[in-house]
Amino acid sequence: MAAVYTDANFDAEVLNADKLSVIDFWAPWCGPCLALGPTIESLATEYEGKVNVGKVNVDENPNLSINYGITSIPAVLFIKNGQVVDKQVGAAPKSVFEKKIQSHL
């Protein structure tokens, strides 16, 4: 299951992580975000132990959205060693996310 990241735990769980993190910035009122949800959950299961996969609710965590310049959702950030190394804005097929993950492992 995808982790839930917040303003409070983001630094410890994502920025200080020793592996790639895939973070889905979403909101419950966003149709494309809801459509992407099962893909994110599937990635969380498939890459468990190898990649941190989680979600940030932009309504509940505005500071993270501001810090990362999230202006359109869904937005998926790929963070490694505390830095954004890739980004996917908008819903996309699972294969797109898998290719991005593989390129950063």
Protein backbone atom coordinates (compact mmCIF):
# COMPACT_ATOMS: atom_id res chain seq x y z
CA MET A 1 0.00 0.00 0.00
CA ALA A 2 1.23 3.49 -0.83
CA ALA A 3 2.51 5.47 2.14
CA VAL A 4 0.88 8.72 3.19
CA TYR A 5 3.31 11.62 3.36
CA THR A 6 2.57 14.90 5.13
CA ASP A 7 4.26 18.20 5.91
CA ALA A 8 5.26 16.57 9.22
CA ASN A 9 6.89 13.33 7.99
CA PHE A 10 8.11 14.24 4.49
CA ASP A 11 11.68 15.15 5.43
CA ALA A 12 12.28 12.01 7.49
CA GLU A 13 10.48 9.58 5.17
CA VAL A 14 11.40 10.98 1.74
CA LEU A 15 14.27 13.47 1.80
CA ASN A 16 16.38 11.40 4.22
CA ALA A 17 15.51 8.06 2.61
CA ASP A 18 18.31 5.93 1.22
CA LYS A 19 16.28 4.92 -1.83
CA LEU A 20 14.21 6.42 -4.61
CA SER A 21 10.86 7.89 -3.58
CA VAL A 22 7.89 8.20 -5.94
CA ILE A 23 5.46 10.79 -4.60
CA ASP A 24 1.97 11.32 -6.01
CA PHE A 25 0.62 14.82 -5.28
CA TRP A 26 -3.16 14.46 -5.49
CA ALA A 27 -6.54 15.59 -4.14
CA PRO A 28 -9.78 13.65 -3.54
CA TRP A 29 -11.79 16.00 -5.82
CA CYS A 30 -9.43 15.49 -8.80
CA GLY A 31 -10.75 12.97 -11.34
CA PRO A 32 -7.41 12.21 -13.03
CA CYS A 33 -5.85 11.82 -9.56
CA LEU A 34 -8.44 9.20 -8.64
CA ALA A 35 -7.85 7.42 -11.95
CA LEU A 36 -4.10 7.31 -11.22
CA GLY A 37 -4.63 5.93 -7.69
CA PRO A 38 -4.69 2.22 -8.62
CA THR A 39 -1.47 2.62 -10.63
CA ILE A 40 0.29 4.19 -7.63
CA GLU A 41 -0.98 1.40 -5.34
CA SER A 42 0.23 -1.22 -7.81
CA LEU A 43 3.69 0.37 -7.99
CA ALA A 44 3.82 0.47 -4.17
CA THR A 45 3.18 -3.28 -4.05
CA GLU A 46 5.55 -4.21 -6.87
CA TYR A 47 8.48 -2.12 -5.64
CA GLU A 48 7.98 -2.68 -1.91
CA GLY A 49 11.35 -2.61 -0.16
CA LYS A 50 13.12 -1.16 -3.22
CA VAL A 51 11.31 2.16 -3.75
CA ASN A 52 9.29 4.37 -1.43
CA VAL A 53 5.92 4.97 -3.08
CA GLY A 54 3.51 7.37 -1.45
CA LYS A 55 0.92 10.09 -1.78
CA VAL A 56 0.61 13.69 -0.62
CA ASN A 57 -2.88 15.19 -0.34
CA VAL A 58 -2.32 18.75 -1.61
CA ASP A 59 -5.31 20.11 0.31
CA GLU A 60 -3.99 18.81 3.64
CA ASN A 61 -0.30 19.59 3.01
CA PRO A 62 -0.09 22.97 1.29
CA ASN A 63 3.54 23.61 2.33
CA LEU A 64 4.81 20.63 0.34
CA SER A 65 2.84 21.72 -2.71
CA ILE A 66 4.31 25.22 -2.48
CA ASN A 67 7.87 23.98 -1.83
CA TYR A 68 7.79 21.75 -4.91
CA GLY A 69 5.93 24.17 -7.17
CA ILE A 70 2.94 21.89 -7.66
CA THR A 71 0.47 23.87 -9.77
CA SER A 72 -1.26 21.01 -11.57
CA ILE A 73 -2.31 17.61 -10.24
CA PRO A 74 -1.79 14.76 -10.42
CA ALA A 75 1.93 15.43 -10.27
CA VAL A 76 4.32 12.60 -9.47
CA LEU A 77 7.81 13.52 -8.30
CA PHE A 78 10.74 11.12 -8.29
CA ILE A 79 13.07 12.07 -5.43
CA LYS A 80 16.49 10.55 -4.81
CA ASN A 81 19.08 11.72 -2.26
CA GLY A 82 16.81 14.61 -1.32
CA GLN A 83 16.59 15.95 -4.89
CA VAL A 84 13.85 15.80 -7.53
CA VAL A 85 15.34 13.69 -10.33
CA ASP A 86 12.23 13.31 -12.50
CA LYS A 87 8.60 14.39 -12.73
CA GLN A 88 5.38 13.30 -14.41
CA VAL A 89 2.50 15.78 -14.53
CA GLY A 90 -0.90 14.36 -15.40
CA ALA A 91 -2.15 10.81 -15.49
CA ALA A 92 -0.07 8.39 -17.56
CA PRO A 93 0.05 4.63 -18.19
CA LYS A 94 1.82 2.49 -15.61
CA SER A 95 4.61 1.76 -18.12
CA VAL A 96 5.63 5.44 -18.06
CA PHE A 97 6.17 5.31 -14.30
CA GLU A 98 7.97 1.97 -14.48
CA LYS A 99 10.45 3.32 -17.05
CA LYS A 100 11.15 6.37 -14.88
CA ILE A 101 11.63 4.18 -11.78
CA GLN A 102 13.99 1.80 -13.61
CA SER A 103 16.09 4.67 -14.92
CA HIS A 104 16.74 5.91 -11.35
CA LEU A 105 17.33 2.63 -9.51
